[in-house]
Amino acid sequence: MWPIVFTLLAIVALGISINKIIKAKKTSNTDPQSRVTAMCFFLISGVNLVGYWFDLLGVFTMVLTVALLITGAYFIRYTQTDHKENQSNKERNHAEL
């Protein structure tokens, strides 16, 4: 029973996070490369869930997981950060010290 509960919990959390990422990306004008990292991490969770339920855990699942991790790590440089906000936070923290 516990594997079913954990799987349902993972699917619900995955659905909520995908919905949140899609809404955030629609409001910002970013290139498709910035979405690759999030897609890779979502695919990792899907691959491992499918591998668990169909007894496919093994070398194939591990190789696919590592390949998706490397791809996500490579494309993380295309994600945009708000440098002005980070700069103001650093100045604020420095002023508090």
PDB file of N, CA and C in Angstrom:
ATOM      1  N   MET A   1       0.812  -1.189   0.000  1.00  0.00           N
ATOM      2  CA  MET A   1       0.000   0.000   0.000  1.00  0.00           C
ATOM      3  C   MET A   1       0.866   1.269   0.000  1.00  0.00           C
ATOM      4  N   TRP A   2       1.986   1.245   0.740  1.00  0.00           N
ATOM      5  CA  TRP A   2       2.829   2.429   0.813  1.00  0.00           C
ATOM      6  C   TRP A   2       3.427   2.833  -0.526  1.00  0.00           C
ATOM      7  N   PRO A   3       3.842   1.890  -1.370  1.00  0.00           N
ATOM      8  CA  PRO A   3       4.350   2.320  -2.680  1.00  0.00           C
ATOM      9  C   PRO A   3       3.299   3.059  -3.508  1.00  0.00           C
ATOM     10  N   ILE A   4       2.047   2.652  -3.390  1.00  0.00           N
ATOM     11  CA  ILE A   4       0.981   3.329  -4.126  1.00  0.00           C
ATOM     12  C   ILE A   4       0.800   4.749  -3.604  1.00  0.00           C
ATOM     13  N   VAL A   5       0.823   4.900  -2.278  1.00  0.00           N
ATOM     14  CA  VAL A   5       0.666   6.226  -1.674  1.00  0.00           C
ATOM     15  C   VAL A   5       1.813   7.140  -2.085  1.00  0.00           C
ATOM     16  N   PHE A   6       3.031   6.627  -2.022  1.00  0.00           N
ATOM     17  CA  PHE A   6       4.182   7.445  -2.394  1.00  0.00           C
ATOM     18  C   PHE A   6       4.170   7.791  -3.877  1.00  0.00           C
ATOM     19  N   THR A   7       3.729   6.876  -4.714  1.00  0.00           N
ATOM     20  CA  THR A   7       3.642   7.154  -6.141  1.00  0.00           C
ATOM     21  C   THR A   7       2.595   8.224  -6.424  1.00  0.00           C
ATOM     22  N   LEU A   8       1.438   8.113  -5.801  1.00  0.00           N
ATOM     23  CA  LEU A   8       0.410   9.127  -5.988  1.00  0.00           C
ATOM     24  C   LEU A   8       0.878  10.487  -5.487  1.00  0.00           C
ATOM     25  N   LEU A   9       1.570  10.496  -4.359  1.00  0.00           N
ATOM     26  CA  LEU A   9       2.110  11.742  -3.827  1.00  0.00           C
ATOM     27  C   LEU A   9       3.135  12.346  -4.784  1.00  0.00           C
ATOM     28  N   ALA A  10       3.979  11.514  -5.365  1.00  0.00           N
ATOM     29  CA  ALA A  10       4.980  11.996  -6.325  1.00  0.00           C
ATOM     30  C   ALA A  10       4.315  12.531  -7.586  1.00  0.00           C
ATOM     31  N   ILE A  11       3.270  11.868  -8.055  1.00  0.00           N
ATOM     32  CA  ILE A  11       2.578  12.321  -9.264  1.00  0.00           C
ATOM     33  C   ILE A  11       1.872  13.655  -9.010  1.00  0.00           C
ATOM     34  N   VAL A  12       1.248  13.798  -7.851  1.00  0.00           N
ATOM     35  CA  VAL A  12       0.580  15.062  -7.519  1.00  0.00           C
ATOM     36  C   VAL A  12       1.606  16.186  -7.401  1.00  0.00           C
ATOM     37  N   ALA A  13       2.713  15.938  -6.709  1.00  0.00           N
ATOM     38  CA  ALA A  13       3.752  16.964  -6.569  1.00  0.00           C
ATOM     39  C   ALA A  13       4.359  17.313  -7.922  1.00  0.00           C
ATOM     40  N   LEU A  14       4.542  16.318  -8.766  1.00  0.00           N
ATOM     41  CA  LEU A  14       5.077  16.556 -10.098  1.00  0.00           C
ATOM     42  C   LEU A  14       4.115  17.399 -10.932  1.00  0.00           C
ATOM     43  N   GLY A  15       2.838  17.089 -10.851  1.00  0.00           N
ATOM     44  CA  GLY A  15       1.833  17.865 -11.584  1.00  0.00           C
ATOM     45  C   GLY A  15       1.770  19.312 -11.129  1.00  0.00           C
ATOM     46  N   ILE A  16       1.823  19.529  -9.821  1.00  0.00           N
ATOM     47  CA  ILE A  16       1.792  20.887  -9.283  1.00  0.00           C
ATOM     48  C   ILE A  16       3.026  21.664  -9.724  1.00  0.00           C
ATOM     49  N   SER A  17       4.184  21.036  -9.643  1.00  0.00           N
ATOM     50  CA  SER A  17       5.411  21.748 -10.016  1.00  0.00           C
ATOM     51  C   SER A  17       5.468  22.024 -11.510  1.00  0.00           C
ATOM     52  N   ILE A  18       4.992  21.103 -12.343  1.00  0.00           N
ATOM     53  CA  ILE A  18       4.960  21.349 -13.785  1.00  0.00           C
ATOM     54  C   ILE A  18       4.024  22.512 -14.091  1.00  0.00           C
ATOM     55  N   ASN A  19       2.871  22.539 -13.443  1.00  0.00           N
ATOM     56  CA  ASN A  19       1.923  23.625 -13.647  1.00  0.00           C
ATOM     57  C   ASN A  19       2.531  24.967 -13.244  1.00  0.00           C
ATOM     58  N   LYS A  20       3.238  24.992 -12.128  1.00  0.00           N
ATOM     59  CA  LYS A  20       3.855  26.228 -11.661  1.00  0.00           C
ATOM     60  C   LYS A  20       4.957  26.693 -12.613  1.00  0.00           C
ATOM     61  N   ILE A  21       5.769  25.761 -13.110  1.00  0.00           N
ATOM     62  CA  ILE A  21       6.839  26.112 -14.051  1.00  0.00           C
ATOM     63  C   ILE A  21       6.258  26.639 -15.356  1.00  0.00           C
ATOM     64  N   ILE A  22       5.193  26.019 -15.847  1.00  0.00           N
ATOM     65  CA  ILE A  22       4.581  26.468 -17.104  1.00  0.00           C
ATOM     66  C   ILE A  22       4.027  27.871 -16.950  1.00  0.00           C
ATOM     67  N   LYS A  23       3.356  28.151 -15.835  1.00  0.00           N
ATOM     68  CA  LYS A  23       2.821  29.492 -15.615  1.00  0.00           C
ATOM     69  C   LYS A  23       3.935  30.521 -15.490  1.00  0.00           C
ATOM     70  N   ALA A  24       5.022  30.176 -14.827  1.00  0.00           N
ATOM     71  CA  ALA A  24       6.133  31.114 -14.675  1.00  0.00           C
ATOM     72  C   ALA A  24       6.813  31.375 -16.015  1.00  0.00           C
ATOM     73  N   LYS A  25       6.942  30.367 -16.840  1.00  0.00           N
ATOM     74  CA  LYS A  25       7.616  30.539 -18.127  1.00  0.00           C
ATOM     75  C   LYS A  25       6.745  31.280 -19.130  1.00  0.00           C
ATOM     76  N   LYS A  26       5.404  31.197 -18.980  1.00  0.00           N
ATOM     77  CA  LYS A  26       4.531  31.931 -19.896  1.00  0.00           C
ATOM     78  C   LYS A  26       4.627  33.429 -19.663  1.00  0.00           C
ATOM     79  N   THR A  27       4.837  33.840 -18.418  1.00  0.00           N
ATOM     80  CA  THR A  27       4.898  35.270 -18.125  1.00  0.00           C
ATOM     81  C   THR A  27       6.230  35.880 -18.527  1.00  0.00           C
ATOM     82  N   SER A  28       7.272  35.096 -18.587  1.00  0.00           N
ATOM     83  CA  SER A  28       8.579  35.647 -18.963  1.00  0.00           C
ATOM     84  C   SER A  28       8.899  35.253 -20.403  1.00  0.00           C
ATOM     85  N   ASN A  29       9.574  36.139 -21.073  1.00  0.00           N
ATOM     86  CA  ASN A  29       9.983  35.886 -22.454  1.00  0.00           C
ATOM     87  C   ASN A  29      11.385  35.298 -22.454  1.00  0.00           C
ATOM     88  N   THR A  30      11.467  33.996 -22.288  1.00  0.00           N
ATOM     89  CA  THR A  30      12.763  33.335 -22.288  1.00  0.00           C
ATOM     90  C   THR A  30      12.846  32.378 -23.463  1.00  0.00           C
ATOM     91  N   ASP A  31      14.062  32.041 -23.818  1.00  0.00           N
ATOM     92  CA  ASP A  31      14.258  31.112 -24.915  1.00  0.00           C
ATOM     93  C   ASP A  31      13.980  29.683 -24.453  1.00  0.00           C
ATOM     94  N   PRO A  32      13.712  28.780 -25.385  1.00  0.00           N
ATOM     95  CA  PRO A  32      13.385  27.400 -25.022  1.00  0.00           C
ATOM     96  C   PRO A  32      14.526  26.669 -24.308  1.00  0.00           C
ATOM     97  N   GLN A  33      15.754  27.122 -24.495  1.00  0.00           N
ATOM     98  CA  GLN A  33      16.874  26.442 -23.845  1.00  0.00           C
ATOM     99  C   GLN A  33      16.803  26.560 -22.333  1.00  0.00           C
ATOM    100  N   SER A  34      16.169  27.593 -21.821  1.00  0.00           N
ATOM    101  CA  SER A  34      16.080  27.761 -20.373  1.00  0.00           C
ATOM    102  C   SER A  34      15.085  26.784 -19.760  1.00  0.00           C
ATOM    103  N   ARG A  35      14.273  26.153 -20.579  1.00  0.00           N
ATOM    104  CA  ARG A  35      13.298  25.185 -20.069  1.00  0.00           C
ATOM    105  C   ARG A  35      13.838  23.757 -20.023  1.00  0.00           C
ATOM    106  N   VAL A  36      14.972  23.520 -20.633  1.00  0.00           N
ATOM    107  CA  VAL A  36      15.501  22.161 -20.759  1.00  0.00           C
ATOM    108  C   VAL A  36      15.851  21.576 -19.393  1.00  0.00           C
ATOM    109  N   THR A  37      16.402  22.368 -18.482  1.00  0.00           N
ATOM    110  CA  THR A  37      16.783  21.859 -17.171  1.00  0.00           C
ATOM    111  C   THR A  37      15.572  21.346 -16.417  1.00  0.00           C
ATOM    112  N   ALA A  38      14.502  22.125 -16.402  1.00  0.00           N
ATOM    113  CA  ALA A  38      13.285  21.699 -15.706  1.00  0.00           C
ATOM    114  C   ALA A  38      12.705  20.438 -16.352  1.00  0.00           C
ATOM    115  N   MET A  39      12.701  20.392 -17.681  1.00  0.00           N
ATOM    116  CA  MET A  39      12.175  19.210 -18.362  1.00  0.00           C
ATOM    117  C   MET A  39      13.003  17.976 -18.044  1.00  0.00           C
ATOM    118  N   CYS A  40      14.311  18.127 -17.954  1.00  0.00           N
ATOM    119  CA  CYS A  40      15.173  16.985 -17.630  1.00  0.00           C
ATOM    120  C   CYS A  40      14.867  16.440 -16.239  1.00  0.00           C
ATOM    121  N   PHE A  41      14.692  17.337 -15.278  1.00  0.00           N
ATOM    122  CA  PHE A  41      14.404  16.873 -13.925  1.00  0.00           C
ATOM    123  C   PHE A  41      13.024  16.222 -13.833  1.00  0.00           C
ATOM    124  N   PHE A  42      12.050  16.737 -14.574  1.00  0.00           N
ATOM    125  CA  PHE A  42      10.737  16.097 -14.601  1.00  0.00           C
ATOM    126  C   PHE A  42      10.817  14.727 -15.264  1.00  0.00           C
ATOM    127  N   LEU A  43      11.607  14.623 -16.325  1.00  0.00           N
ATOM    128  CA  LEU A  43      11.770  13.331 -16.996  1.00  0.00           C
ATOM    129  C   LEU A  43      12.481  12.318 -16.104  1.00  0.00           C
ATOM    130  N   ILE A  44      13.411  12.783 -15.280  1.00  0.00           N
ATOM    131  CA  ILE A  44      14.092  11.877 -14.349  1.00  0.00           C
ATOM    132  C   ILE A  44      13.087  11.246 -13.403  1.00  0.00           C
ATOM    133  N   SER A  45      12.196  12.057 -12.858  1.00  0.00           N
ATOM    134  CA  SER A  45      11.209  11.500 -11.935  1.00  0.00           C
ATOM    135  C   SER A  45      10.268  10.542 -12.660  1.00  0.00           C
ATOM    136  N   GLY A  46       9.880  10.888 -13.883  1.00  0.00           N
ATOM    137  CA  GLY A  46       9.014   9.994 -14.643  1.00  0.00           C
ATOM    138  C   GLY A  46       9.685   8.682 -15.006  1.00  0.00           C
ATOM    139  N   VAL A  47      10.940   8.749 -15.405  1.00  0.00           N
ATOM    140  CA  VAL A  47      11.683   7.530 -15.764  1.00  0.00           C
ATOM    141  C   VAL A  47      11.820   6.610 -14.555  1.00  0.00           C
ATOM    142  N   ASN A  48      12.123   7.188 -13.401  1.00  0.00           N
ATOM    143  CA  ASN A  48      12.294   6.360 -12.214  1.00  0.00           C
ATOM    144  C   ASN A  48      10.972   5.793 -11.708  1.00  0.00           C
ATOM    145  N   LEU A  49       9.877   6.531 -11.840  1.00  0.00           N
ATOM    146  CA  LEU A  49       8.572   5.984 -11.468  1.00  0.00           C
ATOM    147  C   LEU A  49       8.172   4.825 -12.382  1.00  0.00           C
ATOM    148  N   VAL A  50       8.365   5.022 -13.686  1.00  0.00           N
ATOM    149  CA  VAL A  50       8.036   3.950 -14.638  1.00  0.00           C
ATOM    150  C   VAL A  50       8.941   2.748 -14.407  1.00  0.00           C
ATOM    151  N   GLY A  51      10.209   2.998 -14.164  1.00  0.00           N
ATOM    152  CA  GLY A  51      11.139   1.904 -13.893  1.00  0.00           C
ATOM    153  C   GLY A  51      10.784   1.137 -12.635  1.00  0.00           C
ATOM    154  N   TYR A  52      10.303   1.841 -11.629  1.00  0.00           N
ATOM    155  CA  TYR A  52       9.920   1.166 -10.384  1.00  0.00           C
ATOM    156  C   TYR A  52       8.685   0.295 -10.587  1.00  0.00           C
ATOM    157  N   TRP A  53       7.681   0.842 -11.248  1.00  0.00           N
ATOM    158  CA  TRP A  53       6.423   0.108 -11.369  1.00  0.00           C
ATOM    159  C   TRP A  53       6.494  -1.041 -12.360  1.00  0.00           C
ATOM    160  N   PHE A  54       7.346  -0.959 -13.350  1.00  0.00           N
ATOM    161  CA  PHE A  54       7.441  -2.038 -14.338  1.00  0.00           C
ATOM    162  C   PHE A  54       8.702  -2.880 -14.169  1.00  0.00           C
ATOM    163  N   ASP A  55       9.322  -2.791 -13.003  1.00  0.00           N
ATOM    164  CA  ASP A  55      10.524  -3.568 -12.681  1.00  0.00           C
ATOM    165  C   ASP A  55      11.615  -3.405 -13.738  1.00  0.00           C
ATOM    166  N   LEU A  56      11.840  -2.168 -14.135  1.00  0.00           N
ATOM    167  CA  LEU A  56      12.866  -1.877 -15.124  1.00  0.00           C
ATOM    168  C   LEU A  56      14.064  -1.161 -14.514  1.00  0.00           C
ATOM    169  N   LEU A  57      14.153  -1.182 -13.184  1.00  0.00           N
ATOM    170  CA  LEU A  57      15.291  -0.538 -12.540  1.00  0.00           C
ATOM    171  C   LEU A  57      16.550  -1.322 -12.867  1.00  0.00           C
ATOM    172  N   GLY A  58      17.560  -0.645 -13.269  1.00  0.00           N
ATOM    173  CA  GLY A  58      18.790  -1.309 -13.642  1.00  0.00           C
ATOM    174  C   GLY A  58      19.701  -0.367 -14.388  1.00  0.00           C
ATOM    175  N   VAL A  59      20.512  -0.934 -15.229  1.00  0.00           N
ATOM    176  CA  VAL A  59      21.517  -0.159 -15.940  1.00  0.00           C
ATOM    177  C   VAL A  59      20.864   0.853 -16.880  1.00  0.00           C
ATOM    178  N   PHE A  60      19.821   0.443 -17.596  1.00  0.00           N
ATOM    179  CA  PHE A  60      19.168   1.350 -18.539  1.00  0.00           C
ATOM    180  C   PHE A  60      18.604   2.573 -17.825  1.00  0.00           C
ATOM    181  N   THR A  61      17.933   2.369 -16.726  1.00  0.00           N
ATOM    182  CA  THR A  61      17.353   3.484 -15.974  1.00  0.00           C
ATOM    183  C   THR A  61      18.442   4.378 -15.406  1.00  0.00           C
ATOM    184  N   MET A  62      19.501   3.793 -14.899  1.00  0.00           N
ATOM    185  CA  MET A  62      20.593   4.596 -14.345  1.00  0.00           C
ATOM    186  C   MET A  62      21.303   5.400 -15.424  1.00  0.00           C
ATOM    187  N   VAL A  63      21.540   4.800 -16.581  1.00  0.00           N
ATOM    188  CA  VAL A  63      22.200   5.511 -17.671  1.00  0.00           C
ATOM    189  C   VAL A  63      21.330   6.670 -18.151  1.00  0.00           C
ATOM    190  N   LEU A  64      20.039   6.429 -18.274  1.00  0.00           N
ATOM    191  CA  LEU A  64      19.125   7.481 -18.698  1.00  0.00           C
ATOM    192  C   LEU A  64      19.044   8.601 -17.656  1.00  0.00           C
ATOM    193  N   THR A  65      19.039   8.249 -16.376  1.00  0.00           N
ATOM    194  CA  THR A  65      19.011   9.246 -15.308  1.00  0.00           C
ATOM    195  C   THR A  65      20.275  10.094 -15.324  1.00  0.00           C
ATOM    196  N   VAL A  66      21.434   9.475 -15.457  1.00  0.00           N
ATOM    197  CA  VAL A  66      22.700  10.216 -15.491  1.00  0.00           C
ATOM    198  C   VAL A  66      22.769  11.096 -16.741  1.00  0.00           C
ATOM    199  N   ALA A  67      22.301  10.592 -17.872  1.00  0.00           N
ATOM    200  CA  ALA A  67      22.302  11.390 -19.100  1.00  0.00           C
ATOM    201  C   ALA A  67      21.393  12.611 -18.946  1.00  0.00           C
ATOM    202  N   LEU A  68      20.240  12.440 -18.325  1.00  0.00           N
ATOM    203  CA  LEU A  68      19.340  13.574 -18.109  1.00  0.00           C
ATOM    204  C   LEU A  68      19.922  14.560 -17.102  1.00  0.00           C
ATOM    205  N   LEU A  69      20.613  14.059 -16.085  1.00  0.00           N
ATOM    206  CA  LEU A  69      21.267  14.952 -15.129  1.00  0.00           C
ATOM    207  C   LEU A  69      22.364  15.783 -15.795  1.00  0.00           C
ATOM    208  N   ILE A  70      23.154  15.146 -16.629  1.00  0.00           N
ATOM    209  CA  ILE A  70      24.217  15.872 -17.330  1.00  0.00           C
ATOM    210  C   ILE A  70      23.624  16.897 -18.290  1.00  0.00           C
ATOM    211  N   THR A  71      22.560  16.519 -18.994  1.00  0.00           N
ATOM    212  CA  THR A  71      21.906  17.460 -19.902  1.00  0.00           C
ATOM    213  C   THR A  71      21.322  18.637 -19.139  1.00  0.00           C
ATOM    214  N   GLY A  72      20.664  18.365 -18.020  1.00  0.00           N
ATOM    215  CA  GLY A  72      20.109  19.442 -17.204  1.00  0.00           C
ATOM    216  C   GLY A  72      21.184  20.346 -16.642  1.00  0.00           C
ATOM    217  N   ALA A  73      22.298  19.770 -16.229  1.00  0.00           N
ATOM    218  CA  ALA A  73      23.402  20.579 -15.706  1.00  0.00           C
ATOM    219  C   ALA A  73      24.024  21.432 -16.805  1.00  0.00           C
ATOM    220  N   TYR A  74      24.097  20.922 -18.008  1.00  0.00           N
ATOM    221  CA  TYR A  74      24.662  21.688 -19.116  1.00  0.00           C
ATOM    222  C   TYR A  74      23.782  22.896 -19.455  1.00  0.00           C
ATOM    223  N   PHE A  75      22.472  22.697 -19.491  1.00  0.00           N
ATOM    224  CA  PHE A  75      21.575  23.767 -19.899  1.00  0.00           C
ATOM    225  C   PHE A  75      21.189  24.703 -18.763  1.00  0.00           C
ATOM    226  N   ILE A  76      21.687  24.482 -17.554  1.00  0.00           N
ATOM    227  CA  ILE A  76      21.347  25.373 -16.455  1.00  0.00           C
ATOM    228  C   ILE A  76      21.964  26.753 -16.651  1.00  0.00           C
ATOM    229  N   ARG A  77      22.978  26.848 -17.464  1.00  0.00           N
ATOM    230  CA  ARG A  77      23.601  28.150 -17.707  1.00  0.00           C
ATOM    231  C   ARG A  77      22.700  29.074 -18.512  1.00  0.00           C
ATOM    232  N   TYR A  78      21.671  28.533 -19.155  1.00  0.00           N
ATOM    233  CA  TYR A  78      20.749  29.360 -19.923  1.00  0.00           C
ATOM    234  C   TYR A  78      19.599  29.902 -19.083  1.00  0.00           C
ATOM    235  N   THR A  79      19.471  29.484 -17.840  1.00  0.00           N
ATOM    236  CA  THR A  79      18.419  30.023 -16.987  1.00  0.00           C
ATOM    237  C   THR A  79      18.773  31.456 -16.611  1.00  0.00           C
ATOM    238  N   GLN A  80      17.757  32.267 -16.534  1.00  0.00           N
ATOM    239  CA  GLN A  80      17.987  33.675 -16.255  1.00  0.00           C
ATOM    240  C   GLN A  80      17.768  33.953 -14.770  1.00  0.00           C
ATOM    241  N   THR A  81      18.630  34.788 -14.220  1.00  0.00           N
ATOM    242  CA  THR A  81      18.465  35.233 -12.850  1.00  0.00           C
ATOM    243  C   THR A  81      18.354  36.744 -12.844  1.00  0.00           C
ATOM    244  N   ASP A  82      17.764  37.257 -11.818  1.00  0.00           N
ATOM    245  CA  ASP A  82      17.606  38.703 -11.696  1.00  0.00           C
ATOM    246  C   ASP A  82      18.819  39.242 -10.949  1.00  0.00           C
ATOM    247  N   HIS A  83      19.788  39.745 -11.694  1.00  0.00           N
ATOM    248  CA  HIS A  83      21.029  40.212 -11.083  1.00  0.00           C
ATOM    249  C   HIS A  83      20.818  41.455 -10.242  1.00  0.00           C
ATOM    250  N   LYS A  84      19.879  42.301 -10.605  1.00  0.00           N
ATOM    251  CA  LYS A  84      19.618  43.500  -9.817  1.00  0.00           C
ATOM    252  C   LYS A  84      19.087  43.137  -8.441  1.00  0.00           C
ATOM    253  N   GLU A  85      18.206  42.157  -8.386  1.00  0.00           N
ATOM    254  CA  GLU A  85      17.660  41.725  -7.096  1.00  0.00           C
ATOM    255  C   GLU A  85      18.758  41.102  -6.238  1.00  0.00           C
ATOM    256  N   ASN A  86      19.607  40.291  -6.851  1.00  0.00           N
ATOM    257  CA  ASN A  86      20.707  39.686  -6.108  1.00  0.00           C
ATOM    258  C   ASN A  86      21.677  40.744  -5.613  1.00  0.00           C
ATOM    259  N   GLN A  87      21.936  41.751  -6.432  1.00  0.00           N
ATOM    260  CA  GLN A  87      22.848  42.827  -6.037  1.00  0.00           C
ATOM    261  C   GLN A  87      22.277  43.606  -4.862  1.00  0.00           C
ATOM    262  N   SER A  88      20.968  43.915  -4.901  1.00  0.00           N
ATOM    263  CA  SER A  88      20.370  44.679  -3.808  1.00  0.00           C
ATOM    264  C   SER A  88      20.339  43.848  -2.523  1.00  0.00           C
ATOM    265  N   ASN A  89      20.142  42.538  -2.634  1.00  0.00           N
ATOM    266  CA  ASN A  89      20.172  41.679  -1.446  1.00  0.00           C
ATOM    267  C   ASN A  89      21.563  41.656  -0.834  1.00  0.00           C
ATOM    268  N   LYS A  90      22.605  41.620  -1.678  1.00  0.00           N
ATOM    269  CA  LYS A  90      23.972  41.632  -1.161  1.00  0.00           C
ATOM    270  C   LYS A  90      24.271  42.946  -0.455  1.00  0.00           C
ATOM    271  N   GLU A  91      23.814  44.042  -1.057  1.00  0.00           N
ATOM    272  CA  GLU A  91      24.043  45.355  -0.425  1.00  0.00           C
ATOM    273  C   GLU A  91      23.299  45.458   0.891  1.00  0.00           C
ATOM    274  N   ARG A  92      22.082  44.950   0.949  1.00  0.00           N
ATOM    275  CA  ARG A  92      21.282  44.980   2.152  1.00  0.00           C
ATOM    276  C   ARG A  92      21.940  44.135   3.261  1.00  0.00           C
ATOM    277  N   ASN A  93      22.409  42.952   2.893  1.00  0.00           N
ATOM    278  CA  ASN A  93      23.074  42.083   3.874  1.00  0.00           C
ATOM    279  C   ASN A  93      24.373  42.702   4.360  1.00  0.00           C
ATOM    280  N   HIS A  94      25.097  43.365   3.463  1.00  0.00           N
ATOM    281  CA  HIS A  94      26.350  44.017   3.853  1.00  0.00           C
ATOM    282  C   HIS A  94      26.083  45.196   4.787  1.00  0.00           C
ATOM    283  N   ALA A  95      24.990  45.927   4.537  1.00  0.00           N
ATOM    284  CA  ALA A  95      24.660  47.060   5.384  1.00  0.00           C
ATOM    285  C   ALA A  95      24.233  46.616   6.782  1.00  0.00           C
ATOM    286  N   GLU A  96      23.604  45.432   6.885  1.00  0.00           N
ATOM    287  CA  GLU A  96      23.176  44.925   8.197  1.00  0.00           C
ATOM    288  C   GLU A  96      24.363  44.515   9.052  1.00  0.00           C
ATOM    289  N   LEU A  97      25.450  44.110   8.419  1.00  0.00           N
ATOM    290  CA  LEU A  97      26.622  43.683   9.180  1.00  0.00           C
ATOM    291  C   LEU A  97      27.295  44.880   9.746  1.00  0.00           C
TER     292      LEU A  97
END
